[in-house]
Full PDB file with SEQRES, HELIX, SHEET, SSBOND, CRYST1, ORIGX, SCALE, CONECT and MASTER records, all heavy atoms in Angstrom:
SEQRES   1 A   34  CYS ARG ARG ALA ASP THR ARG ILE SER LEU THR ALA LYS          
SEQRES   2 A   34  GLU GLN SER VAL LEU GLU TYR LEU MET ARG ASN ALA GLY          
SEQRES   3 A   34  LYS VAL VAL THR LYS ARG GLU ILE                              
HELIX    1 AA1 ALA A   12  ARG A   23  1                                  12    
SHEET    1 AA1 2 ARG A   2  ARG A   3  0                                        
SHEET    2 AA1 2 THR A   6  ARG A   7 -1                                        
CRYST1    1.000    1.000    1.000  90.00  90.00  90.00 P 1           1          
ORIGX1      1.000000  0.000000  0.000000        0.00000                         
ORIGX2      0.000000  1.000000  0.000000        0.00000                         
ORIGX3      0.000000  0.000000  1.000000        0.00000                         
SCALE1      1.000000  0.000000  0.000000        0.00000                         
SCALE2      0.000000  1.000000  0.000000        0.00000                         
SCALE3      0.000000  0.000000  1.000000        0.00000                         
ATOM      1  N   CYS A   1       9.073  -1.459   4.308  1.00  0.00           N  
ATOM      2  CA  CYS A   1       8.299  -2.381   3.498  1.00  0.00           C  
ATOM      3  C   CYS A   1       9.209  -3.519   3.071  1.00  0.00           C  
ATOM      4  O   CYS A   1      10.358  -3.288   2.664  1.00  0.00           O  
ATOM      5  CB  CYS A   1       7.726  -1.657   2.270  1.00  0.00           C  
ATOM      6  SG  CYS A   1       6.755  -2.704   1.166  1.00  0.00           S  
ATOM      7  N   ARG A   2       8.701  -4.759   3.167  1.00  0.00           N  
ATOM      8  CA  ARG A   2       9.518  -5.913   2.797  1.00  0.00           C  
ATOM      9  C   ARG A   2       8.665  -6.935   2.052  1.00  0.00           C  
ATOM     10  O   ARG A   2       7.470  -7.083   2.317  1.00  0.00           O  
ATOM     11  CB  ARG A   2      10.117  -6.598   4.042  1.00  0.00           C  
ATOM     12  CG  ARG A   2      11.124  -5.752   4.795  1.00  0.00           C  
ATOM     13  CD  ARG A   2      11.671  -6.515   6.002  1.00  0.00           C  
ATOM     14  NE  ARG A   2      12.591  -5.697   6.782  1.00  0.00           N  
ATOM     15  CZ  ARG A   2      13.877  -5.549   6.512  1.00  0.00           C  
ATOM     16  NH1 ARG A   2      14.407  -6.215   5.491  1.00  0.00           N  
ATOM     17  NH2 ARG A   2      14.644  -4.784   7.258  1.00  0.00           N  
ATOM     18  N   ARG A   3       9.310  -7.627   1.141  1.00  0.00           N  
ATOM     19  CA  ARG A   3       8.728  -8.815   0.523  1.00  0.00           C  
ATOM     20  C   ARG A   3       9.625  -9.966   0.955  1.00  0.00           C  
ATOM     21  O   ARG A   3      10.775 -10.056   0.532  1.00  0.00           O  
ATOM     22  CB  ARG A   3       8.699  -8.666  -0.991  1.00  0.00           C  
ATOM     23  CG  ARG A   3       8.261  -9.886  -1.749  1.00  0.00           C  
ATOM     24  CD  ARG A   3       6.763 -10.163  -1.587  1.00  0.00           C  
ATOM     25  NE  ARG A   3       5.932  -9.349  -2.460  1.00  0.00           N  
ATOM     26  CZ  ARG A   3       4.622  -9.504  -2.566  1.00  0.00           C  
ATOM     27  NH1 ARG A   3       4.001 -10.435  -1.826  1.00  0.00           N  
ATOM     28  NH2 ARG A   3       3.901  -8.728  -3.350  1.00  0.00           N  
ATOM     29  N   ALA A   4       9.112 -10.782   1.876  1.00  0.00           N  
ATOM     30  CA  ALA A   4       9.933 -11.809   2.541  1.00  0.00           C  
ATOM     31  C   ALA A   4      11.110 -11.104   3.229  1.00  0.00           C  
ATOM     32  O   ALA A   4      10.889 -10.230   4.066  1.00  0.00           O  
ATOM     33  CB  ALA A   4      10.389 -12.872   1.556  1.00  0.00           C  
ATOM     34  N   ASP A   5      12.352 -11.418   2.854  1.00  0.00           N  
ATOM     35  CA  ASP A   5      13.511 -10.801   3.504  1.00  0.00           C  
ATOM     36  C   ASP A   5      14.077  -9.625   2.715  1.00  0.00           C  
ATOM     37  O   ASP A   5      15.113  -9.060   3.097  1.00  0.00           O  
ATOM     38  CB  ASP A   5      14.622 -11.846   3.697  1.00  0.00           C  
ATOM     39  CG  ASP A   5      14.210 -12.950   4.656  1.00  0.00           C  
ATOM     40  OD1 ASP A   5      13.447 -12.645   5.592  1.00  0.00           O  
ATOM     41  OD2 ASP A   5      14.639 -14.100   4.463  1.00  0.00           O  
ATOM     42  N   THR A   6      13.409  -9.242   1.639  1.00  0.00           N  
ATOM     43  CA  THR A   6      13.917  -8.173   0.780  1.00  0.00           C  
ATOM     44  C   THR A   6      13.299  -6.831   1.142  1.00  0.00           C  
ATOM     45  O   THR A   6      12.068  -6.696   1.165  1.00  0.00           O  
ATOM     46  CB  THR A   6      13.624  -8.470  -0.703  1.00  0.00           C  
ATOM     47  OG1 THR A   6      14.197  -9.729  -1.057  1.00  0.00           O  
ATOM     48  CG2 THR A   6      14.206  -7.382  -1.598  1.00  0.00           C  
ATOM     49  N   ARG A   7      14.138  -5.869   1.459  1.00  0.00           N  
ATOM     50  CA  ARG A   7      13.680  -4.526   1.788  1.00  0.00           C  
ATOM     51  C   ARG A   7      13.286  -3.790   0.506  1.00  0.00           C  
ATOM     52  O   ARG A   7      14.002  -3.832  -0.492  1.00  0.00           O  
ATOM     53  CB  ARG A   7      14.792  -3.761   2.520  1.00  0.00           C  
ATOM     54  CG  ARG A   7      14.466  -2.305   2.864  1.00  0.00           C  
ATOM     55  CD  ARG A   7      13.580  -2.217   4.086  1.00  0.00           C  
ATOM     56  NE  ARG A   7      13.377  -0.832   4.483  1.00  0.00           N  
ATOM     57  CZ  ARG A   7      14.085  -0.195   5.402  1.00  0.00           C  
ATOM     58  NH1 ARG A   7      15.085  -0.830   6.015  1.00  0.00           N  
ATOM     59  NH2 ARG A   7      13.833   1.064   5.731  1.00  0.00           N  
ATOM     60  N   ILE A   8      12.135  -3.122   0.508  1.00  0.00           N  
ATOM     61  CA  ILE A   8      11.629  -2.391  -0.650  1.00  0.00           C  
ATOM     62  C   ILE A   8      11.572  -0.913  -0.305  1.00  0.00           C  
ATOM     63  O   ILE A   8      10.997  -0.522   0.729  1.00  0.00           O  
ATOM     64  CB  ILE A   8      10.233  -2.896  -1.053  1.00  0.00           C  
ATOM     65  CG1 ILE A   8      10.294  -4.378  -1.421  1.00  0.00           C  
ATOM     66  CG2 ILE A   8       9.678  -2.083  -2.216  1.00  0.00           C  
ATOM     67  CD1 ILE A   8       8.931  -5.014  -1.618  1.00  0.00           C  
ATOM     68  N   SER A   9      12.143  -0.099  -1.160  1.00  0.00           N  
ATOM     69  CA  SER A   9      12.155   1.347  -0.938  1.00  0.00           C  
ATOM     70  C   SER A   9      10.936   1.994  -1.583  1.00  0.00           C  
ATOM     71  O   SER A   9      10.714   1.882  -2.793  1.00  0.00           O  
ATOM     72  CB  SER A   9      13.440   1.956  -1.523  1.00  0.00           C  
ATOM     73  OG  SER A   9      13.435   3.362  -1.360  1.00  0.00           O  
ATOM     74  N   LEU A  10      10.119   2.671  -0.770  1.00  0.00           N  
ATOM     75  CA  LEU A  10       8.935   3.378  -1.251  1.00  0.00           C  
ATOM     76  C   LEU A  10       9.039   4.851  -0.894  1.00  0.00           C  
ATOM     77  O   LEU A  10       9.588   5.203   0.152  1.00  0.00           O  
ATOM     78  CB  LEU A  10       7.664   2.810  -0.605  1.00  0.00           C  
ATOM     79  CG  LEU A  10       7.317   1.340  -0.856  1.00  0.00           C  
ATOM     80  CD1 LEU A  10       6.108   0.954  -0.015  1.00  0.00           C  
ATOM     81  CD2 LEU A  10       7.042   1.088  -2.330  1.00  0.00           C  
ATOM     82  N   THR A  11       8.493   5.712  -1.753  1.00  0.00           N  
ATOM     83  CA  THR A  11       8.369   7.121  -1.387  1.00  0.00           C  
ATOM     84  C   THR A  11       7.277   7.245  -0.329  1.00  0.00           C  
ATOM     85  O   THR A  11       6.482   6.317  -0.117  1.00  0.00           O  
ATOM     86  CB  THR A  11       8.014   7.989  -2.599  1.00  0.00           C  
ATOM     87  OG1 THR A  11       6.675   7.670  -3.025  1.00  0.00           O  
ATOM     88  CG2 THR A  11       8.983   7.767  -3.753  1.00  0.00           C  
ATOM     89  N   ALA A  12       7.213   8.400   0.330  1.00  0.00           N  
ATOM     90  CA  ALA A  12       6.213   8.605   1.380  1.00  0.00           C  
ATOM     91  C   ALA A  12       4.800   8.442   0.830  1.00  0.00           C  
ATOM     92  O   ALA A  12       3.938   7.819   1.456  1.00  0.00           O  
ATOM     93  CB  ALA A  12       6.385   9.993   2.002  1.00  0.00           C  
ATOM     94  N   LYS A  13       4.531   8.975  -0.363  1.00  0.00           N  
ATOM     95  CA  LYS A  13       3.185   8.882  -0.930  1.00  0.00           C  
ATOM     96  C   LYS A  13       2.886   7.460  -1.396  1.00  0.00           C  
ATOM     97  O   LYS A  13       1.750   6.985  -1.245  1.00  0.00           O  
ATOM     98  CB  LYS A  13       3.044   9.865  -2.086  1.00  0.00           C  
ATOM     99  CG  LYS A  13       1.598  10.073  -2.523  1.00  0.00           C  
ATOM    100  CD  LYS A  13       0.732  10.638  -1.400  1.00  0.00           C  
ATOM    101  CE  LYS A  13       1.061  12.091  -1.106  1.00  0.00           C  
ATOM    102  NZ  LYS A  13       0.206  12.649  -0.030  1.00  0.00           N  
ATOM    103  N   GLU A  14       3.867   6.782  -1.949  1.00  0.00           N  
ATOM    104  CA  GLU A  14       3.665   5.375  -2.331  1.00  0.00           C  
ATOM    105  C   GLU A  14       3.323   4.539  -1.104  1.00  0.00           C  
ATOM    106  O   GLU A  14       2.443   3.678  -1.155  1.00  0.00           O  
ATOM    107  CB  GLU A  14       4.917   4.827  -3.005  1.00  0.00           C  
ATOM    108  CG  GLU A  14       5.161   5.350  -4.409  1.00  0.00           C  
ATOM    109  CD  GLU A  14       6.542   5.010  -4.951  1.00  0.00           C  
ATOM    110  OE1 GLU A  14       7.372   4.480  -4.175  1.00  0.00           O  
ATOM    111  OE2 GLU A  14       6.788   5.285  -6.131  1.00  0.00           O  
ATOM    112  N   GLN A  15       4.011   4.804  -0.004  1.00  0.00           N  
ATOM    113  CA  GLN A  15       3.716   4.076   1.228  1.00  0.00           C  
ATOM    114  C   GLN A  15       2.290   4.336   1.686  1.00  0.00           C  
ATOM    115  O   GLN A  15       1.584   3.417   2.106  1.00  0.00           O  
ATOM    116  CB  GLN A  15       4.686   4.476   2.338  1.00  0.00           C  
ATOM    117  CG  GLN A  15       4.405   3.769   3.665  1.00  0.00           C  
ATOM    118  CD  GLN A  15       5.226   4.316   4.811  1.00  0.00           C  
ATOM    119  OE1 GLN A  15       6.374   4.665   4.623  1.00  0.00           O  
ATOM    120  NE2 GLN A  15       4.616   4.381   5.987  1.00  0.00           N  
ATOM    121  N   SER A  16       1.844   5.593   1.583  1.00  0.00           N  
ATOM    122  CA  SER A  16       0.488   5.935   2.009  1.00  0.00           C  
ATOM    123  C   SER A  16      -0.556   5.220   1.167  1.00  0.00           C  
ATOM    124  O   SER A  16      -1.568   4.737   1.689  1.00  0.00           O  
ATOM    125  CB  SER A  16       0.277   7.457   1.929  1.00  0.00           C  
ATOM    126  OG  SER A  16       1.116   8.132   2.834  1.00  0.00           O  
ATOM    127  N   VAL A  17      -0.337   5.174  -0.146  1.00  0.00           N  
ATOM    128  CA  VAL A  17      -1.280   4.481  -1.028  1.00  0.00           C  
ATOM    129  C   VAL A  17      -1.308   2.989  -0.712  1.00  0.00           C  
ATOM    130  O   VAL A  17      -2.382   2.389  -0.569  1.00  0.00           O  
ATOM    131  CB  VAL A  17      -0.911   4.713  -2.510  1.00  0.00           C  
ATOM    132  CG1 VAL A  17      -1.792   3.858  -3.423  1.00  0.00           C  
ATOM    133  CG2 VAL A  17      -1.067   6.187  -2.875  1.00  0.00           C  
ATOM    134  N   LEU A  18      -0.119   2.385  -0.591  1.00  0.00           N  
ATOM    135  CA  LEU A  18      -0.060   0.951  -0.287  1.00  0.00           C  
ATOM    136  C   LEU A  18      -0.671   0.651   1.076  1.00  0.00           C  
ATOM    137  O   LEU A  18      -1.389  -0.352   1.236  1.00  0.00           O  
ATOM    138  CB  LEU A  18       1.392   0.472  -0.333  1.00  0.00           C  
ATOM    139  CG  LEU A  18       1.605  -1.018  -0.032  1.00  0.00           C  
ATOM    140  CD1 LEU A  18       0.847  -1.895  -1.024  1.00  0.00           C  
ATOM    141  CD2 LEU A  18       3.092  -1.362  -0.037  1.00  0.00           C  
ATOM    142  N   GLU A  19      -0.416   1.490   2.053  1.00  0.00           N  
ATOM    143  CA  GLU A  19      -0.989   1.277   3.384  1.00  0.00           C  
ATOM    144  C   GLU A  19      -2.514   1.275   3.330  1.00  0.00           C  
ATOM    145  O   GLU A  19      -3.177   0.415   3.924  1.00  0.00           O  
ATOM    146  CB  GLU A  19      -0.505   2.350   4.352  1.00  0.00           C  
ATOM    147  CG  GLU A  19      -1.095   2.208   5.747  1.00  0.00           C  
ATOM    148  CD  GLU A  19      -0.687   3.329   6.694  1.00  0.00           C  
ATOM    149  OE1 GLU A  19       0.226   4.107   6.345  1.00  0.00           O  
ATOM    150  OE2 GLU A  19      -1.296   3.429   7.768  1.00  0.00           O  
ATOM    151  N   TYR A  20      -3.082   2.236   2.583  1.00  0.00           N  
ATOM    152  CA  TYR A  20      -4.544   2.306   2.498  1.00  0.00           C  
ATOM    153  C   TYR A  20      -5.110   1.052   1.827  1.00  0.00           C  
ATOM    154  O   TYR A  20      -6.118   0.498   2.269  1.00  0.00           O  
ATOM    155  CB  TYR A  20      -4.962   3.556   1.730  1.00  0.00           C  
ATOM    156  CG  TYR A  20      -6.453   3.773   1.719  1.00  0.00           C  
ATOM    157  CD1 TYR A  20      -7.143   4.087   2.888  1.00  0.00           C  
ATOM    158  CD2 TYR A  20      -7.186   3.633   0.542  1.00  0.00           C  
ATOM    159  CE1 TYR A  20      -8.521   4.268   2.889  1.00  0.00           C  
ATOM    160  CE2 TYR A  20      -8.558   3.810   0.533  1.00  0.00           C  
ATOM    161  CZ  TYR A  20      -9.219   4.125   1.708  1.00  0.00           C  
ATOM    162  OH  TYR A  20     -10.587   4.306   1.704  1.00  0.00           O  
ATOM    163  N   LEU A  21      -4.442   0.594   0.766  1.00  0.00           N  
ATOM    164  CA  LEU A  21      -4.891  -0.617   0.088  1.00  0.00           C  
ATOM    165  C   LEU A  21      -4.798  -1.839   1.004  1.00  0.00           C  
ATOM    166  O   LEU A  21      -5.718  -2.667   1.062  1.00  0.00           O  
ATOM    167  CB  LEU A  21      -4.055  -0.854  -1.168  1.00  0.00           C  
ATOM    168  CG  LEU A  21      -4.270   0.119  -2.331  1.00  0.00           C  
ATOM    169  CD1 LEU A  21      -3.239  -0.137  -3.423  1.00  0.00           C  
ATOM    170  CD2 LEU A  21      -5.678   0.004  -2.884  1.00  0.00           C  
ATOM    171  N   MET A  22      -3.697  -1.944   1.753  1.00  0.00           N  
ATOM    172  CA  MET A  22      -3.512  -3.103   2.618  1.00  0.00           C  
ATOM    173  C   MET A  22      -4.481  -3.084   3.799  1.00  0.00           C  
ATOM    174  O   MET A  22      -4.924  -4.142   4.264  1.00  0.00           O  
ATOM    175  CB  MET A  22      -2.059  -3.175   3.105  1.00  0.00           C  
ATOM    176  CG  MET A  22      -1.066  -3.497   1.992  1.00  0.00           C  
ATOM    177  SD  MET A  22       0.663  -3.609   2.547  1.00  0.00           S  
ATOM    178  CE  MET A  22       0.642  -5.155   3.480  1.00  0.00           C  
ATOM    179  N   ARG A  23      -4.789  -1.908   4.290  1.00  0.00           N  
ATOM    180  CA  ARG A  23      -5.762  -1.813   5.394  1.00  0.00           C  
ATOM    181  C   ARG A  23      -7.168  -2.201   4.914  1.00  0.00           C  
ATOM    182  O   ARG A  23      -8.033  -2.524   5.728  1.00  0.00           O  
ATOM    183  CB  ARG A  23      -5.770  -0.414   5.987  1.00  0.00           C  
ATOM    184  CG  ARG A  23      -4.536  -0.078   6.812  1.00  0.00           C  
ATOM    185  CD  ARG A  23      -4.746   1.138   7.689  1.00  0.00           C  
ATOM    186  NE  ARG A  23      -3.547   1.536   8.395  1.00  0.00           N  
ATOM    187  CZ  ARG A  23      -3.092   0.952   9.505  1.00  0.00           C  
ATOM    188  NH1 ARG A  23      -3.756  -0.070  10.031  1.00  0.00           N  
ATOM    189  NH2 ARG A  23      -1.999   1.383  10.093  1.00  0.00           N  
ATOM    190  N   ASN A  24      -7.382  -2.130   3.608  1.00  0.00           N  
ATOM    191  CA  ASN A  24      -8.687  -2.493   3.048  1.00  0.00           C  
ATOM    192  C   ASN A  24      -8.590  -3.773   2.216  1.00  0.00           C  
ATOM    193  O   ASN A  24      -9.324  -3.949   1.248  1.00  0.00           O  
ATOM    194  CB  ASN A  24      -9.216  -1.338   2.191  1.00  0.00           C  
ATOM    195  CG  ASN A  24      -9.641  -0.150   3.028  1.00  0.00           C  
ATOM    196  OD1 ASN A  24     -10.746  -0.107   3.558  1.00  0.00           O  
ATOM    197  ND2 ASN A  24      -8.747   0.814   3.172  1.00  0.00           N  
ATOM    198  N   ALA A  25      -7.661  -4.659   2.586  1.00  0.00           N  
ATOM    199  CA  ALA A  25      -7.461  -5.909   1.856  1.00  0.00           C  
ATOM    200  C   ALA A  25      -8.762  -6.702   1.757  1.00  0.00           C  
ATOM    201  O   ALA A  25      -9.531  -6.795   2.717  1.00  0.00           O  
ATOM    202  CB  ALA A  25      -6.391  -6.753   2.547  1.00  0.00           C  
ATOM    203  N   GLY A  26      -9.020  -7.249   0.552  1.00  0.00           N  
ATOM    204  CA  GLY A  26     -10.238  -8.014   0.328  1.00  0.00           C  
ATOM    205  C   GLY A  26     -11.421  -7.163  -0.083  1.00  0.00           C  
ATOM    206  O   GLY A  26     -12.494  -7.695  -0.390  1.00  0.00           O  
ATOM    207  N   LYS A  27     -11.235  -5.847  -0.118  1.00  0.00           N  
ATOM    208  CA  LYS A  27     -12.307  -4.925  -0.486  1.00  0.00           C  
ATOM    209  C   LYS A  27     -11.857  -4.115  -1.701  1.00  0.00           C  
ATOM    210  O   LYS A  27     -10.714  -3.661  -1.774  1.00  0.00           O  
ATOM    211  CB  LYS A  27     -12.602  -3.984   0.688  1.00  0.00           C  
ATOM    212  CG  LYS A  27     -13.492  -2.804   0.340  1.00  0.00           C  
ATOM    213  CD  LYS A  27     -13.565  -1.826   1.497  1.00  0.00           C  
ATOM    214  CE  LYS A  27     -14.282  -0.547   1.102  1.00  0.00           C  
ATOM    215  NZ  LYS A  27     -14.248   0.468   2.191  1.00  0.00           N  
ATOM    216  N   VAL A  28     -12.757  -3.937  -2.664  1.00  0.00           N  
ATOM    217  CA  VAL A  28     -12.440  -3.109  -3.826  1.00  0.00           C  
ATOM    218  C   VAL A  28     -12.415  -1.643  -3.401  1.00  0.00           C  
ATOM    219  O   VAL A  28     -13.383  -1.142  -2.823  1.00  0.00           O  
ATOM    220  CB  VAL A  28     -13.459  -3.310  -4.956  1.00  0.00           C  
ATOM    221  CG1 VAL A  28     -13.144  -2.374  -6.128  1.00  0.00           C  
ATOM    222  CG2 VAL A  28     -13.449  -4.756  -5.435  1.00  0.00           C  
ATOM    223  N   VAL A  29     -11.292  -0.979  -3.654  1.00  0.00           N  
ATOM    224  CA  VAL A  29     -11.110   0.424  -3.288  1.00  0.00           C  
ATOM    225  C   VAL A  29     -11.103   1.265  -4.561  1.00  0.00           C  
ATOM    226  O   VAL A  29     -10.351   0.967  -5.500  1.00  0.00           O  
ATOM    227  CB  VAL A  29      -9.781   0.625  -2.517  1.00  0.00           C  
ATOM    228  CG1 VAL A  29      -9.565   2.099  -2.216  1.00  0.00           C  
ATOM    229  CG2 VAL A  29      -9.786  -0.185  -1.227  1.00  0.00           C  
ATOM    230  N   THR A  30     -11.934   2.280  -4.614  1.00  0.00           N  
ATOM    231  CA  THR A  30     -12.008   3.119  -5.804  1.00  0.00           C  
ATOM    232  C   THR A  30     -10.897   4.160  -5.807  1.00  0.00           C  
ATOM    233  O   THR A  30     -10.302   4.468  -4.763  1.00  0.00           O  
ATOM    234  CB  THR A  30     -13.357   3.861  -5.876  1.00  0.00           C  
ATOM    235  OG1 THR A  30     -13.443   4.806  -4.796  1.00  0.00           O  
ATOM    236  CG2 THR A  30     -14.519   2.877  -5.783  1.00  0.00           C  
ATOM    237  N   LYS A  31     -10.630   4.732  -6.988  1.00  0.00           N  
ATOM    238  CA  LYS A  31      -9.643   5.800  -7.090  1.00  0.00           C  
ATOM    239  C   LYS A  31     -10.066   6.999  -6.243  1.00  0.00           C  
ATOM    240  O   LYS A  31      -9.228   7.658  -5.629  1.00  0.00           O  
ATOM    241  CB  LYS A  31      -9.466   6.219  -8.555  1.00  0.00           C  
ATOM    242  CG  LYS A  31      -8.862   5.147  -9.439  1.00  0.00           C  
ATOM    243  CD  LYS A  31      -8.795   5.602 -10.891  1.00  0.00           C  
ATOM    244  CE  LYS A  31      -8.304   4.485 -11.795  1.00  0.00           C  
ATOM    245  NZ  LYS A  31      -8.315   4.884 -13.221  1.00  0.00           N  
ATOM    246  N   ARG A  32     -11.364   7.280  -6.229  1.00  0.00           N  
ATOM    247  CA  ARG A  32     -11.870   8.401  -5.431  1.00  0.00           C  
ATOM    248  C   ARG A  32     -11.575   8.204  -3.960  1.00  0.00           C  
ATOM    249  O   ARG A  32     -11.174   9.138  -3.257  1.00  0.00           O  
ATOM    250  CB  ARG A  32     -13.375   8.543  -5.644  1.00  0.00           C  
ATOM    251  CG  ARG A  32     -14.051   9.688  -4.888  1.00  0.00           C  
ATOM    252  CD  ARG A  32     -13.699  11.013  -5.500  1.00  0.00           C  
ATOM    253  NE  ARG A  32     -12.627  11.707  -4.789  1.00  0.00           N  
ATOM    254  CZ  ARG A  32     -12.030  12.781  -5.244  1.00  0.00           C  
ATOM    255  NH1 ARG A  32     -12.366  13.287  -6.412  1.00  0.00           N  
ATOM    256  NH2 ARG A  32     -11.082  13.362  -4.553  1.00  0.00           N  
ATOM    257  N   GLU A  33     -11.743   6.990  -3.466  1.00  0.00           N  
ATOM    258  CA  GLU A  33     -11.461   6.711  -2.061  1.00  0.00           C  
ATOM    259  C   GLU A  33      -9.979   6.880  -1.759  1.00  0.00           C  
ATOM    260  O   GLU A  33      -9.615   7.393  -0.695  1.00  0.00           O  
ATOM    261  CB  GLU A  33     -11.924   5.296  -1.706  1.00  0.00           C  
ATOM    262  CG  GLU A  33     -13.436   5.131  -1.652  1.00  0.00           C  
ATOM    263  CD  GLU A  33     -13.864   3.698  -1.479  1.00  0.00           C  
ATOM    264  OE1 GLU A  33     -13.185   2.788  -2.008  1.00  0.00           O  
ATOM    265  OE2 GLU A  33     -14.899   3.467  -0.812  1.00  0.00           O  
ATOM    266  N   ILE A  34      -9.121   6.446  -2.677  1.00  0.00           N  
ATOM    267  CA  ILE A  34      -7.678   6.603  -2.474  1.00  0.00           C  
ATOM    268  C   ILE A  34      -7.314   8.074  -2.430  1.00  0.00           C  
ATOM    269  O   ILE A  34      -6.573   8.522  -1.547  1.00  0.00           O  
ATOM    270  CB  ILE A  34      -6.897   5.877  -3.583  1.00  0.00           C  
ATOM    271  CG1 ILE A  34      -7.113   4.364  -3.484  1.00  0.00           C  
ATOM    272  CG2 ILE A  34      -5.403   6.202  -3.485  1.00  0.00           C  
ATOM    273  CD1 ILE A  34      -6.527   3.576  -4.635  1.00  0.00           C  
TER     274      ILE A  34                                                      
MASTER        0    0    0    1    2    0    0    6  273    1    0    3          
END                                                                             
């Protein structure tokens, strides 16, 4: 995970949550869906 050229360290579960949110960008995602 990176923000511009900066590497960001995420745990495996944090990555999974962020991935799901990014795959659904522009759509409101509920806690239940996550």
